[in-house]
C-alpha atoms as a PDB file:
ATOM      1  CA  MET A   1      -0.096  -0.208   0.092  1.00  0.00           C
ATOM      2  CA  ASN A   2       0.938   3.937  -0.566  1.00  0.00           C
ATOM      3  CA  GLU A   3       2.589   5.203   2.284  1.00  0.00           C
ATOM      4  CA  THR A   4       0.601   7.785   2.062  1.00  0.00           C
ATOM      5  CA  LEU A   5      -2.600   6.522   1.601  1.00  0.00           C
ATOM      6  CA  HIS A   6      -1.856   4.084   4.518  1.00  0.00           C
ATOM      7  CA  SER A   7      -1.068   7.611   6.790  1.00  0.00           C
ATOM      8  CA  ILE A   8      -4.627   9.160   5.594  1.00  0.00           C
ATOM      9  CA  LEU A   9      -6.652   5.946   6.251  1.00  0.00           C
ATOM     10  CA  LEU A  10      -5.067   5.660   9.716  1.00  0.00           C
ATOM     11  CA  HIS A  11      -5.891   9.120  10.391  1.00  0.00           C
ATOM     12  CA  VAL A  12      -9.284   8.737   9.500  1.00  0.00           C
ATOM     13  CA  HIS A  13      -9.388   5.469  11.135  1.00  0.00           C
ATOM     14  CA  SER A  14      -8.132   6.999  14.878  1.00  0.00           C
ATOM     15  CA  ILE A  15     -10.190  10.481  14.335  1.00  0.00           C
ATOM     16  CA  GLY A  16     -13.232   7.846  13.615  1.00  0.00           C
ATOM     17  CA  ARG A  17     -12.756   6.003  16.664  1.00  0.00           C
ATOM     18  CA  TRP A  18     -13.651   8.995  18.551  1.00  0.00           C
ATOM     19  CA  VAL A  19     -16.850   9.560  16.705  1.00  0.00           C
ATOM     20  CA  VAL A  20     -17.946   6.186  17.560  1.00  0.00           C
ATOM     21  CA  ILE A  21     -17.047   6.266  21.137  1.00  0.00           C
ATOM     22  CA  LEU A  22     -19.090   9.695  21.145  1.00  0.00           C
ATOM     23  CA  LEU A  23     -22.403   8.060  19.254  1.00  0.00           C
ATOM     24  CA  LEU A  24     -21.910   4.939  21.374  1.00  0.00           C
ATOM     25  CA  ILE A  25     -22.027   7.639  24.469  1.00  0.00           C
ATOM     26  CA  ILE A  26     -24.651   9.449  23.450  1.00  0.00           C
ATOM     27  CA  ALA A  27     -26.887   5.860  22.278  1.00  0.00           C
ATOM     28  CA  ILE A  28     -26.231   4.504  26.044  1.00  0.00           C
ATOM     29  CA  PHE A  29     -27.001   7.526  27.861  1.00  0.00           C
ATOM     30  CA  ASN A  30     -30.247   8.014  25.535  1.00  0.00           C
ATOM     31  CA  SER A  31     -31.600   4.656  26.333  1.00  0.00           C
ATOM     32  CA  LEU A  32     -30.277   5.026  30.217  1.00  0.00           C
ATOM     33  CA  VAL A  33     -32.886   7.831  30.602  1.00  0.00           C
ATOM     34  CA  ALA A  34     -35.502   6.640  28.326  1.00  0.00           C
ATOM     35  CA  GLY A  35     -37.440   5.227  31.231  1.00  0.00           C
ATOM     36  CA  ASP A  36     -40.864   4.481  29.892  1.00  0.00           C
ATOM     37  CA  ARG A  37     -40.373   7.141  26.919  1.00  0.00           C
ATOM     38  CA  PRO A  38     -41.547   5.638  23.341  1.00  0.00           C
ATOM     39  CA  PHE A  39     -38.593   4.394  21.124  1.00  0.00           C
ATOM     40  CA  ILE A  40     -38.594   7.433  19.464  1.00  0.00           C
ATOM     41  CA  LYS A  41     -37.291   8.299  15.537  1.00  0.00           C
ATOM     42  CA  SER A  42     -34.104  10.119  16.877  1.00  0.00           C
ATOM     43  CA  ASP A  43     -33.395   7.475  18.876  1.00  0.00           C
ATOM     44  CA  ALA A  44     -33.385   4.864  15.916  1.00  0.00           C
ATOM     45  CA  ASN A  45     -31.419   7.500  13.693  1.00  0.00           C
ATOM     46  CA  THR A  46     -28.699   7.541  16.616  1.00  0.00           C
ATOM     47  CA  GLY A  47     -28.360   3.824  15.981  1.00  0.00           C
ATOM     48  CA  LEU A  48     -28.226   4.159  12.252  1.00  0.00           C
ATOM     49  CA  LEU A  49     -25.214   7.045  12.510  1.00  0.00           C
ATOM     50  CA  LEU A  50     -23.673   4.771  14.842  1.00  0.00           C
ATOM     51  CA  ILE A  51     -23.698   1.612  12.654  1.00  0.00           C
ATOM     52  CA  ILE A  52     -22.867   3.705   9.784  1.00  0.00           C
ATOM     53  CA  PHE A  53     -19.486   4.842  11.265  1.00  0.00           C
ATOM     54  CA  VAL A  54     -18.983   1.834  13.542  1.00  0.00           C
ATOM     55  CA  ASP A  55     -19.016  -0.078   9.582  1.00  0.00           C
ATOM     56  CA  LEU A  56     -16.925   2.448   7.930  1.00  0.00           C
ATOM     57  CA  MET A  57     -14.068   2.332  10.766  1.00  0.00           C
ATOM     58  CA  PHE A  58     -14.653  -1.558   9.953  1.00  0.00           C
ATOM     59  CA  LEU A  59     -13.999  -1.263   6.665  1.00  0.00           C
ATOM     60  CA  ILE A  60     -10.912   1.283   6.784  1.00  0.00           C
ATOM     61  CA  GLY A  61      -9.480  -0.917   9.905  1.00  0.00           C
ATOM     62  CA  LEU A  62      -9.555  -3.853   7.393  1.00  0.00           C
ATOM     63  CA  VAL A  63      -7.834  -2.101   4.851  1.00  0.00           C
ATOM     64  CA  LEU A  64      -5.485  -1.045   7.130  1.00  0.00           C
ATOM     65  CA  TRP A  65      -5.156  -4.701   8.895  1.00  0.00           C
ATOM     66  CA  TYR A  66      -4.473  -6.554   5.064  1.00  0.00           C
ATOM     67  CA  PHE A  67      -2.556  -4.207   3.449  1.00  0.00           C
ATOM     68  CA  GLY A  68      -0.807  -2.550   6.551  1.00  0.00           C
ATOM     69  CA  ALA A  69       2.333  -3.344   8.514  1.00  0.00           C
ATOM     70  CA  LEU A  70       0.788  -4.312  11.777  1.00  0.00           C
ATOM     71  CA  GLY A  71      -1.851  -6.741  10.409  1.00  0.00           C
ATOM     72  CA  TYR A  72      -2.207  -9.811   8.926  1.00  0.00           C
ATOM     73  CA  LYS A  73       1.104  -8.834   6.618  1.00  0.00           C
ATOM     74  CA  SER A  74       3.126  -8.942   9.954  1.00  0.00           C
ATOM     75  CA  LEU A  75       1.532 -12.390  10.878  1.00  0.00           C
ATOM     76  CA  GLU A  76       2.033 -14.168   7.519  1.00  0.00           C
ATOM     77  CA  ASN A  77       5.852 -13.149   7.483  1.00  0.00           C
ATOM     78  CA  TYR A  78       6.726 -12.832  11.233  1.00  0.00           C
ATOM     79  CA  PRO A  79       9.766 -14.794  11.742  1.00  0.00           C
ATOM     80  CA  GLY A  80       9.284 -18.207  13.414  1.00  0.00           C
ATOM     81  CA  GLY A  81       5.761 -18.324  11.568  1.00  0.00           C
ATOM     82  CA  PHE A  82       2.329 -17.870  12.947  1.00  0.00           C
ATOM     83  CA  SER A  83       2.877 -19.148  16.669  1.00  0.00           C
ATOM     84  CA  ALA A  84       6.045 -17.153  17.249  1.00  0.00           C
ATOM     85  CA  ALA A  85       3.833 -14.319  16.163  1.00  0.00           C
ATOM     86  CA  MET A  86       1.211 -14.755  19.034  1.00  0.00           C
ATOM     87  CA  LYS A  87       3.815 -14.528  21.534  1.00  0.00           C
ATOM     88  CA  ASP A  88       4.570 -11.301  20.326  1.00  0.00           C
ATOM     89  CA  PRO A  89       2.236  -9.422  22.748  1.00  0.00           C
ATOM     90  CA  ILE A  90       2.385  -6.348  19.684  1.00  0.00           C
ATOM     91  CA  ALA A  91       2.152  -8.477  16.660  1.00  0.00           C
ATOM     92  CA  ARG A  92      -0.839 -10.550  18.757  1.00  0.00           C
ATOM     93  CA  PHE A  93      -2.392  -7.404  19.177  1.00  0.00           C
ATOM     94  CA  PHE A  94      -2.540  -5.944  15.747  1.00  0.00           C
ATOM     95  CA  GLY A  95      -2.719  -9.320  14.170  1.00  0.00           C
ATOM     96  CA  MET A  96      -5.719 -10.942  16.041  1.00  0.00           C
ATOM     97  CA  GLU A  97      -6.807  -9.050  19.340  1.00  0.00           C
ATOM     98  CA  HIS A  98      -7.487  -5.770  17.838  1.00  0.00           C
ATOM     99  CA  PHE A  99      -9.311  -7.182  14.617  1.00  0.00           C
ATOM    100  CA  VAL A 100     -11.102  -9.549  16.402  1.00  0.00           C
ATOM    101  CA  GLY A 101     -12.515  -7.684  19.229  1.00  0.00           C
ATOM    102  CA  MET A 102     -13.899  -5.003  16.785  1.00  0.00           C
ATOM    103  CA  LEU A 103     -15.503  -7.577  14.830  1.00  0.00           C
ATOM    104  CA  VAL A 104     -16.909  -8.456  17.952  1.00  0.00           C
ATOM    105  CA  ALA A 105     -18.152  -4.675  19.159  1.00  0.00           C
ATOM    106  CA  LEU A 106     -19.800  -4.221  15.516  1.00  0.00           C
ATOM    107  CA  VAL A 107     -22.148  -7.704  15.372  1.00  0.00           C
ATOM    108  CA  LEU A 108     -23.006  -6.146  19.006  1.00  0.00           C
ATOM    109  CA  VAL A 109     -23.972  -2.726  17.377  1.00  0.00           C
ATOM    110  CA  HIS A 110     -25.716  -4.322  15.056  1.00  0.00           C
ATOM    111  CA  ILE A 111     -28.004  -6.633  17.503  1.00  0.00           C
ATOM    112  CA  GLY A 112     -28.247  -3.644  19.278  1.00  0.00           C
ATOM    113  CA  LYS A 113     -29.369  -1.585  16.429  1.00  0.00           C
ATOM    114  CA  ALA A 114     -31.994  -4.453  15.789  1.00  0.00           C
ATOM    115  CA  GLN A 115     -33.752  -4.132  19.032  1.00  0.00           C
ATOM    116  CA  GLY A 116     -34.785  -1.054  18.513  1.00  0.00           C
ATOM    117  CA  ARG A 117     -36.974  -2.592  15.582  1.00  0.00           C
ATOM    118  CA  LYS A 118     -38.419  -5.999  17.681  1.00  0.00           C
ATOM    119  CA  LYS A 119     -41.860  -5.492  18.226  1.00  0.00           C
ATOM    120  CA  ILE A 120     -41.336  -5.711  22.239  1.00  0.00           C
ATOM    121  CA  SER A 121     -42.005  -2.902  24.438  1.00  0.00           C
ATOM    122  CA  ASP A 122     -40.269   0.275  24.609  1.00  0.00           C
ATOM    123  CA  LYS A 123     -38.550  -0.081  27.710  1.00  0.00           C
ATOM    124  CA  LYS A 124     -37.303  -3.410  26.877  1.00  0.00           C
ATOM    125  CA  LYS A 125     -35.722  -1.409  23.474  1.00  0.00           C
ATOM    126  CA  HIS A 126     -34.119   0.629  25.220  1.00  0.00           C
ATOM    127  CA  MET A 127     -32.898  -1.427  28.019  1.00  0.00           C
ATOM    128  CA  ARG A 128     -31.481  -4.109  25.080  1.00  0.00           C
ATOM    129  CA  THR A 129     -30.207  -1.293  22.824  1.00  0.00           C
ATOM    130  CA  MET A 130     -28.302   0.187  25.781  1.00  0.00           C
ATOM    131  CA  ALA A 131     -26.933  -3.162  27.133  1.00  0.00           C
ATOM    132  CA  PHE A 132     -25.712  -4.138  23.869  1.00  0.00           C
ATOM    133  CA  TYR A 133     -24.009  -0.701  22.939  1.00  0.00           C
ATOM    134  CA  LEU A 134     -22.128  -0.786  26.390  1.00  0.00           C
ATOM    135  CA  ILE A 135     -20.713  -4.041  26.144  1.00  0.00           C
ATOM    136  CA  ALA A 136     -20.004  -3.036  22.781  1.00  0.00           C
ATOM    137  CA  LEU A 137     -18.265   0.238  24.115  1.00  0.00           C
ATOM    138  CA  ILE A 138     -16.123  -1.768  26.373  1.00  0.00           C
ATOM    139  CA  ILE A 139     -15.077  -3.911  23.961  1.00  0.00           C
ATOM    140  CA  ILE A 140     -13.887  -1.326  21.901  1.00  0.00           C
ATOM    141  CA  LEU A 141     -12.197   0.661  24.675  1.00  0.00           C
ATOM    142  CA  VAL A 142     -10.225  -2.703  25.392  1.00  0.00           C
ATOM    143  CA  SER A 143      -9.641  -2.978  21.741  1.00  0.00           C
ATOM    144  CA  ILE A 144      -8.181   0.117  21.164  1.00  0.00           C
ATOM    145  CA  PRO A 145      -4.239   0.680  20.995  1.00  0.00           C
ATOM    146  CA  TRP A 146      -4.018   3.600  23.519  1.00  0.00           C
ATOM    147  CA  PRO A 147      -0.889   5.556  23.978  1.00  0.00           C
ATOM    148  CA  PHE A 148      -0.708   4.334  27.732  1.00  0.00           C
ATOM    149  CA  MET A 149      -0.879   0.713  26.507  1.00  0.00           C
ATOM    150  CA  GLN A 150       2.138  -1.702  25.116  1.00  0.00           C
ATOM    151  CA  SER A 151       0.338  -2.014  21.986  1.00  0.00           C
ATOM    152  CA  GLY A 152      -0.076   2.058  21.843  1.00  0.00           C
ATOM    153  CA  ALA A 153       3.268   2.741  22.587  1.00  0.00           C
ATOM    154  CA  GLY A 154       4.053   5.820  20.479  1.00  0.00           C
ATOM    155  CA  ARG A 155       0.386   6.808  19.188  1.00  0.00           C
ATOM    156  CA  SER A 156      -1.005   9.457  19.515  1.00  0.00           C
ATOM    157  CA  TRP A 157      -4.671  10.111  21.192  1.00  0.00           C
ATOM    158  CA  TYR A 158      -6.182  10.885  17.796  1.00  0.00           C
END
């Protein structure tokens, strides 16, 4: 992959995480304080916007994972093979843990959004969407290479 394109995609992916985190917090907060309030169009629109950004970040991340130096290629070309790569915490994080964590979070966000379309009470819709979004948020926060983690050492906050 072209180095300039890789840098652009990495910056977009890094900045986009903040949009996803913010949208998840908004959706969780809305569902948490909803009580018996009907599941209204703004709840559905927040979920839709969340789905769009999560899917977009996943697609950009998939391109970075496959074509970038720290993802699939690093596992494929790791000296000593795949088992040796799994013993290296950085290679394991970017090659497997980050990818799998974000894939699980993406699935949870989609399931959470689908809960809002079910023919159940509005209170149950809010509680279910909140639960799936909250679990997805926790998995996303754990799967991000933050600057204070070993996997994110030397990286910026954006």
